Structures are given as C-alpha cells and as structure tokens.
C-alpha cells in the first residue's frame, strides 16, 4: 500500500536524522496498517526493523516483547531468537538469553554466531547463582555439541580472534570455570592450523596459563597449530618459550612437548636470544623458588642435549651466574667444561663427553647429537662483519662445539683466532690474551674471520 511505503520513507528519514524515537513511531504506524490489511510479508519485514530499533533506543521491555513475538513468525526464525537473546541479556536474564541462543543455534542455517555467543555466556558468568541458573537451562539440552568439524574450526578461530581463550578451552579441552555442559571438549579434534597459539601464551595471565592455557596450547599444537607462528609472535625460539613458561608456571608439559615433537636438532635446542642467552643461561639467571621444579627443568634441558658450555654475550657460561651453594650448581658443575669458562671454548674430548654426560647421570639413555659447524661459522662471521662482536663470540663457540672432531686443527685455530679478534674489538684485552695463550700457537694471530 502507498500509505505504508510513505510511512517507511518517513521512518528512514528519521533514522538519517538520528531521530530514533520518531522512526520507531512511524514503524508502529506501518505495523498497524499491515495488521489491518492482513499484509503478512510486509508485517514481517517492518517488524524486523522495529525490533532492532527498539533495542537501539534502550526500550528493553518493548524490545523483548517484540522479539518474542517475532520468534513466533514463520515457525521460530533465527532473527527472532537472536533478537530475543539480546533483549534478555540487556535485562540481565542470562539463563533465558542462553535458552533463546540454543534454540536459534539448533535451527540455524548459519549457526556459527549462535555458538560463539553461547560459549561467551558460559564462560562469563561464574557466581554460584548464575552458574546454577545456566546449569538448569543446559539440563534441557544434554546432547548439545559443537557440530561439524568445519563449524568447530570456524568457531574456535573466531573465539581466538576475540581473545576468548577460556571459551576455546571449553570447546577443545573442557577446562573452564563455567557450568558443565555437553559442549565441553566437543571440539577436541578440530583443526588448529590458523589458531594463534603465540597470543595465548603471550597474552593470558599466569593463573590462566596454569588453569587451562598450557594444556590448551599442547592440544592446539597437536591439532596443527604453528610452532613458527609462536616464535614469530613472541620473537624468541620455541625452546625459550617452553623454558620461560615452565619457569613462570612451574609446569613442564609444554617444554616436554617441544622436545618430543619439534626440537630434533642441536641447532634448535641451542638457539639463543638476541642477547646471546641460551636456555641454560635463562635457567641459571632466573630466581627459582621451587627447587624441585628448577632441577626438573635443568634435567630435561641437559638430557635432551642443551649445551652447558655455550657463552652468552658477556662471554660467560651458565654456571658462572650461580654460587657453589646454589641448588643448581652440582648438576651444572657435573657437565660443564670448567676450562672453557669466560675465555676458552675448546670442545670436550669424546672421553670427557661420555664421562660427563647428563643422560648417563640420570639413566635416561644417550641422545644422538647433530652438528652443524658451517651454519654457526657463517652466522658468526656475519655478526663479526656487522660489528656485533658479542653475538659473534657466542656463535663461534657454537661452531667449535659443532666440530665432529678436535683433530681438525686448521678449523680450530681459525675459529679461536676469530674469537680472540672479537675480544680485542670489544676492548677485553686480558680475555683476548688469555684466550690466545690457551688456544693458539704463537704464529696464528694474523688469521681473520
């Protein structure tokens, strides 16, 4: 009818003027005409606009009434359930909001948004009274699940983008503080290839990491989440991520997963941060209250092949940062080549390696170690050329450790000459002299990196 079209135009003009109340009144007039002339399709269309507008102008009771009425059109529409749940949330009737969301989810053609909102409600309300009301609603839907694998993947990704990590945990691990439901762990096998686990590990609190974060990170990694993505987000190697999480939370689960599933080469296990710290430097410099946990972390690192003989940017080994009374000292002292401390970097002989093996000390068996002399030498030379002398020293030491045999005297001499020149460039003349005297023949100081 022409009258309805004119009223709709007047409502739209009012909306452009930000006069929502006027627009609402015009839509009410339209609806009255539609009912008088039995114009069902026009009524549905205009009523949808009116429901949304009533919510915008904060007329919650009217919005709720209209939303429920709208639900009854066309045998319970998705739009009606969505609007009804929004109205109930604004009235703080969260159990009813949950019920409308579940009903909309079960009948929706596109259920993703409904499931996301359901999860948000479940993890947001934690008081005993709220949880009881929500639990009573959930008892009516004991077979509620996260749907197809495609739906699970989409919902988990969206929750991660919203930083609703407890919601992700609800679906993937079942660990959360909300009411128990059949949704718990219903997406445990969904693909996690696009889930940014680095954000989880870097952004949530220590308490959240302890409660659900570490378990969630492990499951997501098992489901395809990217280790490289974690390293890129946190800007440190994954072995350092595992150690820092273990020190922060006193939980070694993620560290163990990294060694069992990713850290296959010596290069990966001995990667350093920009300041030259290896993971054993991190542990040696850390303040650790739980001695047992500290020893467990050290044992894992040593048994898995992390070297205690690397030098940091200050030319020190991990053991040099602790006192002889420290609980870490006996373990590190057992495996550290003391002759190398501060200035010398000669690799241990095969006999010494076998004798001092931390694997042997803890009856865990011996680990095969892959060496890569050329990689560390090239990395050290590049640092030297760029004037990053402290970093160069650390990489030259790694190159020495990567030599398969101490019999290759030419390579040994060249690398020790390079280390000596680094110390000279840093102005550490005493260290340079001691290093040269300990490791070089008298005519070799002219070598260059």
Protein backbone atom coordinates (compact mmCIF):
# COMPACT_ATOMS: atom_id res chain seq x y z
CA UNK A 1 0.00 0.00 0.00
CA UNK A 2 1.08 3.55 -0.74
CA UNK A 3 0.45 4.69 2.85
CA UNK A 4 2.82 2.03 4.18
CA UNK A 5 5.55 2.97 1.70
CA UNK A 6 5.24 6.64 2.66
CA UNK A 7 5.43 5.81 6.38
CA UNK A 8 8.51 3.65 5.76
CA UNK A 9 10.18 6.53 3.93
CA UNK A 10 9.36 8.88 6.81
CA UNK A 11 10.87 6.32 9.26
CA UNK A 12 14.03 6.07 7.16
CA UNK A 13 14.35 9.86 7.00
CA UNK A 14 14.02 9.98 10.79
CA UNK A 15 16.82 7.41 11.08
CA UNK A 16 19.07 9.55 8.88
CA UNK A 17 18.39 12.46 11.26
CA UNK A 18 19.30 10.16 14.20
CA UNK A 19 15.73 10.62 15.46
CA UNK A 20 15.23 7.01 16.52
CA UNK A 21 12.11 7.62 18.58
CA UNK A 22 10.34 9.22 15.62
CA UNK A 23 11.41 6.32 13.40
CA UNK A 24 10.07 3.85 15.96
CA UNK A 25 6.69 5.61 15.99
CA UNK A 26 6.48 5.52 12.18
CA UNK A 27 7.28 1.80 12.12
CA UNK A 28 4.49 1.22 14.68
CA UNK A 29 2.06 3.00 12.37
CA UNK A 30 3.23 0.82 9.48
CA UNK A 31 2.67 -2.32 11.52
CA UNK A 32 -0.84 -1.22 12.47
CA UNK A 33 -1.75 -0.75 8.80
CA UNK A 34 -0.21 -4.14 7.91
CA UNK A 35 -2.35 -5.88 10.53
CA UNK A 36 -5.50 -4.06 9.40
CA UNK A 37 -4.99 -5.17 5.79
CA UNK A 38 -3.50 -8.63 6.56
CA UNK A 39 -0.20 -7.85 4.80
CA UNK A 40 1.84 -10.66 6.39
CA UNK A 41 5.09 -10.33 4.40
CA UNK A 42 5.23 -6.57 4.85
CA UNK A 43 4.49 -7.06 8.55
CA UNK A 44 7.42 -9.47 8.93
CA UNK A 45 9.86 -7.16 7.14
CA UNK A 46 8.90 -3.99 9.01
CA UNK A 47 8.61 -5.81 12.33
CA UNK A 48 12.25 -6.94 11.99
CA UNK A 49 13.36 -3.31 11.63
CA UNK A 50 11.25 -2.30 14.60
CA UNK A 51 12.70 -4.99 16.90
CA UNK A 52 16.28 -3.90 16.18
CA UNK A 53 15.38 -0.22 16.58
CA UNK A 54 13.63 -0.81 19.92
CA UNK A 55 16.84 -2.38 21.21
CA UNK A 56 18.91 0.57 19.96
CA UNK A 57 16.77 3.14 21.79
CA UNK A 58 17.05 1.09 25.01
CA UNK A 59 13.32 0.28 25.24
CA UNK A 60 14.19 -3.13 26.58
CA UNK A 61 10.77 -4.33 27.72
CA UNK A 62 9.21 -3.42 24.38
CA UNK A 63 12.18 -4.92 22.50
CA UNK A 64 11.84 -8.14 24.46
CA UNK A 65 8.11 -8.40 23.85
CA UNK A 66 8.54 -7.70 20.14
CA UNK A 67 11.46 -10.14 19.89
CA UNK A 68 9.44 -12.98 21.37
CA UNK A 69 6.53 -12.10 19.10
CA UNK A 70 8.91 -12.05 16.14
CA UNK A 71 10.18 -15.52 17.10
CA UNK A 72 6.69 -16.86 16.52
CA UNK A 73 6.59 -15.62 12.92
CA UNK A 74 7.44 -18.22 10.30
CA UNK A 75 7.84 -21.04 12.85
CA UNK A 76 10.59 -19.52 15.02
CA UNK A 77 13.11 -17.59 12.89
CA UNK A 78 16.85 -17.25 13.55
CA UNK A 79 16.45 -13.48 13.65
CA UNK A 80 13.78 -13.72 16.29
CA UNK A 81 15.82 -15.93 18.60
CA UNK A 82 18.84 -13.66 18.12
CA UNK A 83 16.87 -10.52 18.98
CA UNK A 84 15.17 -12.21 21.94
CA UNK A 85 18.52 -13.32 23.39
CA UNK A 86 19.95 -9.81 23.02
CA UNK A 87 16.96 -8.32 24.81
CA UNK A 88 17.25 -10.88 27.62
CA UNK A 89 20.97 -10.13 28.06
CA UNK A 90 20.25 -6.41 28.40
CA UNK A 91 17.68 -7.29 31.05
CA UNK A 92 20.41 -9.48 32.69
CA UNK A 93 18.29 -12.61 32.35
CA UNK A 94 21.23 -14.66 31.11
CA UNK A 95 19.64 -18.09 31.54
CA UNK A 96 16.78 -17.05 29.23
CA UNK A 97 19.25 -15.47 26.82
CA UNK A 98 21.13 -18.78 26.76
CA UNK A 99 17.91 -20.69 26.08
CA UNK A 100 17.00 -18.49 23.09
CA UNK A 101 20.55 -18.78 21.72
CA UNK A 102 20.46 -22.57 21.97
CA UNK A 103 17.07 -22.73 20.23
CA UNK A 104 18.37 -20.44 17.49
CA UNK A 105 21.58 -22.47 17.18
CA UNK A 106 19.74 -25.77 16.80
CA UNK A 107 17.59 -24.43 13.96
CA UNK A 108 20.03 -22.03 12.28
CA UNK A 109 21.24 -22.38 8.72
CA UNK A 110 24.39 -20.45 9.74
CA UNK A 111 24.90 -21.49 13.40
CA UNK A 112 28.43 -20.11 13.92
CA UNK A 113 27.46 -16.81 15.58
CA UNK A 114 24.93 -18.54 17.84
CA UNK A 115 27.55 -21.00 19.14
CA UNK A 116 30.07 -18.20 19.74
CA UNK A 117 27.53 -16.28 21.84
CA UNK A 118 26.59 -19.45 23.75
CA UNK A 119 30.23 -20.03 24.67
CA UNK A 120 30.67 -16.39 25.73
CA UNK A 121 27.74 -16.68 28.14
CA UNK A 122 29.03 -19.96 29.60
CA UNK A 123 32.49 -18.61 30.45
CA UNK A 124 31.43 -15.09 31.50
CA UNK A 125 29.11 -15.92 34.41
CA UNK A 126 30.78 -17.61 37.33
CA UNK A 127 28.93 -16.77 40.51
CA UNK A 128 27.27 -19.83 42.09
CA UNK A 129 23.80 -18.40 41.48
CA UNK A 130 24.46 -17.57 37.82
CA UNK A 131 26.07 -20.95 37.18
CA UNK A 132 23.10 -22.72 38.76
CA UNK A 133 20.59 -20.87 36.55
CA UNK A 134 22.65 -21.64 33.45
CA UNK A 135 23.04 -25.29 34.52
CA UNK A 136 19.26 -25.62 34.88
CA UNK A 137 18.84 -24.36 31.31
CA UNK A 138 21.56 -26.68 29.97
CA UNK A 139 19.87 -29.75 31.51
CA UNK A 140 17.23 -29.41 28.81
CA UNK A 141 19.89 -29.78 26.09
CA UNK A 142 22.06 -32.72 27.12
CA UNK A 143 23.01 -33.60 23.53
CA UNK A 144 24.23 -30.15 22.53
CA UNK A 145 27.51 -30.36 20.56
CA UNK A 146 29.81 -28.08 18.56
CA UNK A 147 28.54 -29.50 15.27
CA UNK A 148 30.65 -30.40 12.25
CA UNK A 149 34.44 -30.18 12.18
CA UNK A 150 34.13 -27.20 9.83
CA UNK A 151 31.86 -25.39 12.28
CA UNK A 152 34.14 -26.26 15.22
CA UNK A 153 37.17 -24.88 13.37
CA UNK A 154 35.38 -21.64 12.45
CA UNK A 155 34.10 -21.07 16.00
CA UNK A 156 37.47 -21.80 17.63
CA UNK A 157 39.24 -19.41 15.24
CA UNK A 158 36.71 -16.65 15.91
CA UNK A 159 36.91 -17.08 19.69
CA UNK A 160 40.72 -16.92 19.44
CA UNK A 161 40.49 -13.71 17.41
CA UNK A 162 38.31 -12.26 20.18
CA UNK A 163 40.86 -13.40 22.81
CA UNK A 164 38.18 -15.56 24.42
CA UNK A 165 40.74 -18.24 25.25
CA UNK A 166 38.71 -19.76 28.06
CA UNK A 167 35.94 -20.26 25.51
CA UNK A 168 38.40 -22.03 23.21
CA UNK A 169 39.45 -24.16 26.17
CA UNK A 170 35.82 -25.05 26.91
CA UNK A 171 35.39 -26.48 23.41
CA UNK A 172 38.85 -28.02 22.97
CA UNK A 173 39.91 -29.29 26.42
CA UNK A 174 36.78 -28.94 28.55
CA UNK A 175 38.72 -26.89 31.13
CA UNK A 176 36.93 -23.69 32.22
CA UNK A 177 35.16 -22.11 35.20
CA UNK A 178 31.64 -22.05 33.78
CA UNK A 179 28.83 -24.61 34.20
CA UNK A 180 29.41 -28.13 32.91
CA UNK A 181 27.69 -28.96 29.62
CA UNK A 182 27.81 -31.38 26.70
CA UNK A 183 29.72 -28.70 24.76
CA UNK A 184 32.78 -29.34 26.97
CA UNK A 185 35.61 -30.82 24.85
CA UNK A 186 33.22 -31.30 21.91
CA UNK A 187 35.75 -29.68 19.51
CA UNK A 188 38.84 -31.52 20.76
CA UNK A 189 39.79 -32.72 17.28
CA UNK A 190 39.16 -29.55 15.26
CA UNK A 191 41.90 -28.13 13.04
CA UNK A 192 44.05 -25.51 14.77
CA UNK A 193 46.26 -24.54 11.83
CA UNK A 194 45.11 -20.91 11.93
CA UNK A 195 44.84 -20.54 15.70
CA UNK A 196 47.50 -18.07 17.01
CA UNK A 197 48.84 -20.02 19.98
CA UNK A 198 51.54 -17.36 20.48
CA UNK A 199 48.78 -14.92 21.50
CA UNK A 200 47.50 -17.45 24.01
CA UNK A 201 50.92 -17.98 25.59
CA UNK A 202 51.89 -14.32 25.49
CA UNK A 203 48.68 -12.54 26.42
CA UNK A 204 46.83 -14.53 29.09
CA UNK A 205 47.68 -14.27 32.78
CA UNK A 206 49.96 -16.68 34.63
CA UNK A 207 46.95 -18.03 36.53
CA UNK A 208 45.09 -18.68 33.28
CA UNK A 209 48.15 -20.44 31.85
CA UNK A 210 48.24 -22.69 34.90
CA UNK A 211 44.50 -23.31 34.88
CA UNK A 212 43.89 -24.08 31.21
CA UNK A 213 46.45 -22.34 28.96
CA UNK A 214 49.28 -24.88 28.89
CA UNK A 215 47.01 -27.86 28.31
CA UNK A 216 45.15 -25.90 25.64
CA UNK A 217 48.39 -24.88 23.88
CA UNK A 218 49.56 -28.51 23.81
CA UNK A 219 46.29 -29.79 22.30
CA UNK A 220 46.21 -26.97 19.72
CA UNK A 221 49.79 -27.79 18.68
CA UNK A 222 48.83 -31.45 18.34
CA UNK A 223 45.91 -30.31 16.17
CA UNK A 224 48.16 -28.43 13.75
CA UNK A 225 48.87 -25.02 15.27
CA UNK A 226 52.13 -23.47 14.02
CA UNK A 227 55.30 -23.55 16.14
CA UNK A 228 56.79 -20.95 13.80
CA UNK A 229 53.76 -18.76 14.48
CA UNK A 230 54.54 -18.89 18.20
CA UNK A 231 58.16 -17.92 17.58
CA UNK A 232 57.13 -15.06 15.28
CA UNK A 233 54.60 -13.65 17.76
CA UNK A 234 56.78 -13.95 20.86
CA UNK A 235 60.05 -13.16 18.98
CA UNK A 236 62.04 -15.93 20.71
CA UNK A 237 62.88 -19.55 19.76
CA UNK A 238 60.34 -22.18 20.81
CA UNK A 239 62.83 -23.81 23.21
CA UNK A 240 62.98 -20.50 25.08
CA UNK A 241 59.19 -20.27 25.09
CA UNK A 242 58.97 -23.71 26.71
CA UNK A 243 61.56 -22.84 29.36
CA UNK A 244 60.05 -19.45 30.24
CA UNK A 245 56.55 -20.93 30.53
CA UNK A 246 57.95 -23.70 32.75
CA UNK A 247 59.71 -21.18 35.00
CA UNK A 248 56.64 -18.92 35.15
CA UNK A 249 54.06 -21.62 35.86
CA UNK A 250 56.12 -24.49 37.35
CA UNK A 251 54.60 -26.70 34.64
CA UNK A 252 56.95 -28.54 32.27
CA UNK A 253 54.26 -30.02 29.99
CA UNK A 254 54.82 -27.61 27.07
CA UNK A 255 58.62 -27.90 27.35
CA UNK A 256 58.39 -31.69 27.21
CA UNK A 257 56.08 -31.49 24.18
CA UNK A 258 58.58 -29.26 22.36
CA UNK A 259 61.44 -31.73 22.84
CA UNK A 260 59.33 -34.76 21.95
CA UNK A 261 57.73 -33.30 18.83
CA UNK A 262 59.79 -30.41 17.43
CA UNK A 263 63.30 -29.85 18.79
CA UNK A 264 65.05 -32.52 16.74
CA UNK A 265 68.41 -30.84 16.00
CA UNK A 266 71.16 -29.44 18.18
CA UNK A 267 70.81 -26.12 16.40
CA UNK A 268 67.18 -25.86 17.56
CA UNK A 269 67.98 -26.94 21.12
CA UNK A 270 70.84 -24.45 21.48
CA UNK A 271 69.31 -21.41 19.80
CA UNK A 272 69.99 -18.18 21.64
CA UNK A 273 68.05 -14.98 22.13
CA UNK A 274 69.28 -11.66 20.74
CA UNK A 275 71.27 -11.04 23.93
CA UNK A 276 73.14 -14.33 23.49
CA UNK A 277 71.38 -16.25 26.26
CA UNK A 278 70.88 -19.98 25.78
CA UNK A 279 68.07 -21.74 27.66
CA UNK A 280 70.57 -22.84 30.32
CA UNK A 281 71.62 -19.22 30.78
CA UNK A 282 67.94 -18.37 31.29
CA UNK A 283 67.57 -21.05 33.97
CA UNK A 284 70.86 -20.09 35.66
CA UNK A 285 69.92 -16.41 35.84
CA UNK A 286 66.33 -16.97 36.96
CA UNK A 287 65.10 -16.63 40.51
CA UNK A 288 63.59 -20.03 41.25
CA UNK A 289 61.61 -20.61 44.43
CA UNK A 290 60.67 -24.23 43.81
CA UNK A 291 63.98 -26.13 43.85
CA UNK A 292 62.48 -29.42 42.71
CA UNK A 293 60.88 -27.74 39.73
CA UNK A 294 64.16 -25.99 38.89
CA UNK A 295 66.06 -29.28 38.98
CA UNK A 296 63.40 -30.95 36.80
CA UNK A 297 63.79 -28.21 34.17
CA UNK A 298 67.59 -28.49 34.25
CA UNK A 299 67.46 -32.27 33.91
CA UNK A 300 65.19 -32.06 30.88
CA UNK A 301 67.42 -29.50 29.15
CA UNK A 302 70.64 -31.40 29.79
CA UNK A 303 69.22 -34.81 28.98
CA UNK A 304 67.80 -33.53 25.71
CA UNK A 305 71.15 -32.15 24.57
CA UNK A 306 71.22 -28.45 25.51
CA UNK A 307 74.87 -27.46 25.92
CA UNK A 308 76.08 -26.11 29.30
CA UNK A 309 79.30 -24.82 27.66
CA UNK A 310 77.88 -22.02 25.49
CA UNK A 311 78.94 -18.44 26.21
CA UNK A 312 76.50 -15.55 26.34
CA UNK A 313 77.19 -12.04 25.05
CA UNK A 314 79.36 -11.38 28.11
CA UNK A 315 81.46 -14.48 27.41
CA UNK A 316 80.11 -16.45 30.39
CA UNK A 317 78.79 -19.96 30.75
CA UNK A 318 75.55 -20.63 32.67
CA UNK A 319 77.38 -21.99 35.72
CA UNK A 320 79.18 -18.67 36.18
CA UNK A 321 75.90 -17.00 37.19
CA UNK A 322 75.31 -19.16 40.27
CA UNK A 323 77.18 -19.73 43.52
CA UNK A 324 78.51 -23.06 44.72
CA UNK A 325 75.75 -23.11 47.37
CA UNK A 326 73.00 -22.82 44.76
CA UNK A 327 70.90 -25.97 44.25
CA UNK A 328 71.63 -25.79 40.51
CA UNK A 329 75.39 -25.83 40.94
CA UNK A 330 76.01 -29.60 41.47
CA UNK A 331 74.07 -30.51 38.35
CA UNK A 332 75.71 -27.90 36.12
CA UNK A 333 79.15 -28.48 37.61
CA UNK A 334 78.89 -32.16 36.71
CA UNK A 335 78.52 -31.41 32.99
CA UNK A 336 80.29 -28.07 32.41
CA UNK A 337 83.75 -27.90 30.87
CA UNK A 338 85.30 -25.65 33.53
CA UNK A 339 88.43 -24.99 31.46
CA UNK A 340 86.29 -23.10 28.95
CA UNK A 341 84.77 -20.63 31.36
CA UNK A 342 84.94 -16.95 30.45
CA UNK A 343 87.65 -17.19 27.81
CA UNK A 344 88.26 -20.66 26.38
CA UNK A 345 85.95 -22.50 24.01
CA UNK A 346 87.75 -25.76 23.20
CA UNK A 347 85.32 -28.64 22.72
CA UNK A 348 85.32 -31.52 25.17
CA UNK A 349 87.05 -34.67 24.07
CA UNK A 350 84.92 -37.75 23.35
CA UNK A 351 86.10 -39.35 26.60
CA UNK A 352 85.11 -36.29 28.61
CA UNK A 353 81.75 -36.08 26.86
CA UNK A 354 80.96 -39.66 27.75
CA UNK A 355 82.13 -39.19 31.32
CA UNK A 356 80.17 -36.01 31.93
CA UNK A 357 77.01 -36.97 30.05
CA UNK A 358 73.90 -35.77 31.94
CA UNK A 359 71.98 -38.53 30.18
CA UNK A 360 74.21 -41.11 31.86
CA UNK A 361 73.88 -39.35 35.21
CA UNK A 362 70.08 -39.63 35.15
CA UNK A 363 69.79 -43.08 33.49
CA UNK A 364 67.83 -41.69 30.56
CA UNK A 365 69.98 -43.17 27.74
CA UNK A 366 72.21 -41.34 25.31
CA UNK A 367 70.97 -38.86 22.75
CA UNK A 368 72.46 -38.64 19.27
CA UNK A 369 73.63 -35.07 18.56
CA UNK A 370 73.58 -33.46 15.13
CA UNK A 371 76.39 -30.96 14.46
CA UNK A 372 76.40 -28.04 12.06
CA UNK A 373 79.76 -26.27 12.10
CA UNK A 374 79.24 -24.38 8.82
CA UNK A 375 75.93 -22.90 9.91
CA UNK A 376 77.27 -21.39 13.14
CA UNK A 377 80.52 -20.27 11.48
CA UNK A 378 78.63 -18.38 8.78
CA UNK A 379 76.32 -16.84 11.37
CA UNK A 380 79.31 -15.76 13.49
CA UNK A 381 81.14 -14.27 10.51
CA UNK A 382 78.07 -12.26 9.55
CA UNK A 383 77.78 -10.91 13.10
CA UNK A 384 81.51 -10.06 13.06
CA UNK A 385 81.21 -8.16 9.78
CA UNK A 386 78.25 -6.19 11.16
CA UNK A 387 80.20 -5.28 14.30
CA UNK A 388 78.03 -7.43 16.58
CA UNK A 389 81.05 -8.83 18.36
CA UNK A 390 79.38 -10.26 21.46
CA UNK A 391 76.92 -12.19 19.31
CA UNK A 392 79.80 -13.34 17.12
CA UNK A 393 81.64 -14.79 20.12
CA UNK A 394 78.62 -16.87 21.10
CA UNK A 395 78.21 -18.24 17.57
CA UNK A 396 81.95 -19.01 17.20
CA UNK A 397 81.71 -21.04 20.42
CA UNK A 398 78.74 -22.96 18.97
CA UNK A 399 80.77 -23.58 15.82
CA UNK A 400 83.55 -25.07 17.94
CA UNK A 401 81.09 -27.35 19.70
CA UNK A 402 79.70 -28.45 16.34
CA UNK A 403 83.07 -29.77 15.16
CA UNK A 404 82.83 -33.54 14.91
CA UNK A 405 86.45 -33.93 15.94
CA UNK A 406 89.06 -31.85 17.73
CA UNK A 407 91.63 -33.19 15.23
CA UNK A 408 90.72 -30.57 12.60
CA UNK A 409 93.36 -28.14 13.87
CA UNK A 410 93.06 -25.70 10.98
CA UNK A 411 89.40 -25.02 11.71
CA UNK A 412 90.06 -24.85 15.44
CA UNK A 413 92.85 -22.32 15.01
CA UNK A 414 90.84 -20.16 12.62
CA UNK A 415 87.85 -20.02 14.95
CA UNK A 416 89.97 -19.31 18.04
CA UNK A 417 91.71 -16.50 16.11
CA UNK A 418 88.28 -15.05 15.31
CA UNK A 419 87.22 -15.22 18.96
CA UNK A 420 90.45 -13.51 20.01
CA UNK A 421 89.87 -10.69 17.50
CA UNK A 422 86.31 -10.26 18.80
CA UNK A 423 87.62 -9.79 22.34
CA UNK A 424 90.20 -7.29 21.06
CA UNK A 425 87.46 -5.39 19.25
CA UNK A 426 85.42 -5.31 22.45
CA UNK A 427 88.40 -3.95 24.38
CA UNK A 428 88.64 -7.08 26.55
CA UNK A 429 92.41 -7.24 26.18
CA UNK A 430 93.05 -9.51 29.16
CA UNK A 431 90.45 -12.01 27.97
CA UNK A 432 91.85 -11.85 24.44
CA UNK A 433 95.38 -12.57 25.71
CA UNK A 434 94.24 -15.45 27.92
CA UNK A 435 92.18 -16.96 25.10
CA UNK A 436 95.03 -16.73 22.62
CA UNK A 437 97.57 -18.12 25.09
CA UNK A 438 95.33 -21.05 25.92
CA UNK A 439 94.21 -21.99 22.43
CA UNK A 440 96.55 -20.65 19.73
CA UNK A 441 100.06 -21.39 18.50
CA UNK A 442 102.29 -18.33 18.56
CA UNK A 443 102.21 -17.60 14.80
CA UNK A 444 98.49 -17.74 14.19
CA UNK A 445 97.24 -14.34 15.34
CA UNK A 446 97.13 -12.96 11.82
CA UNK A 447 94.06 -15.04 10.87
CA UNK A 448 90.87 -13.15 10.08
CA UNK A 449 87.20 -14.21 10.25
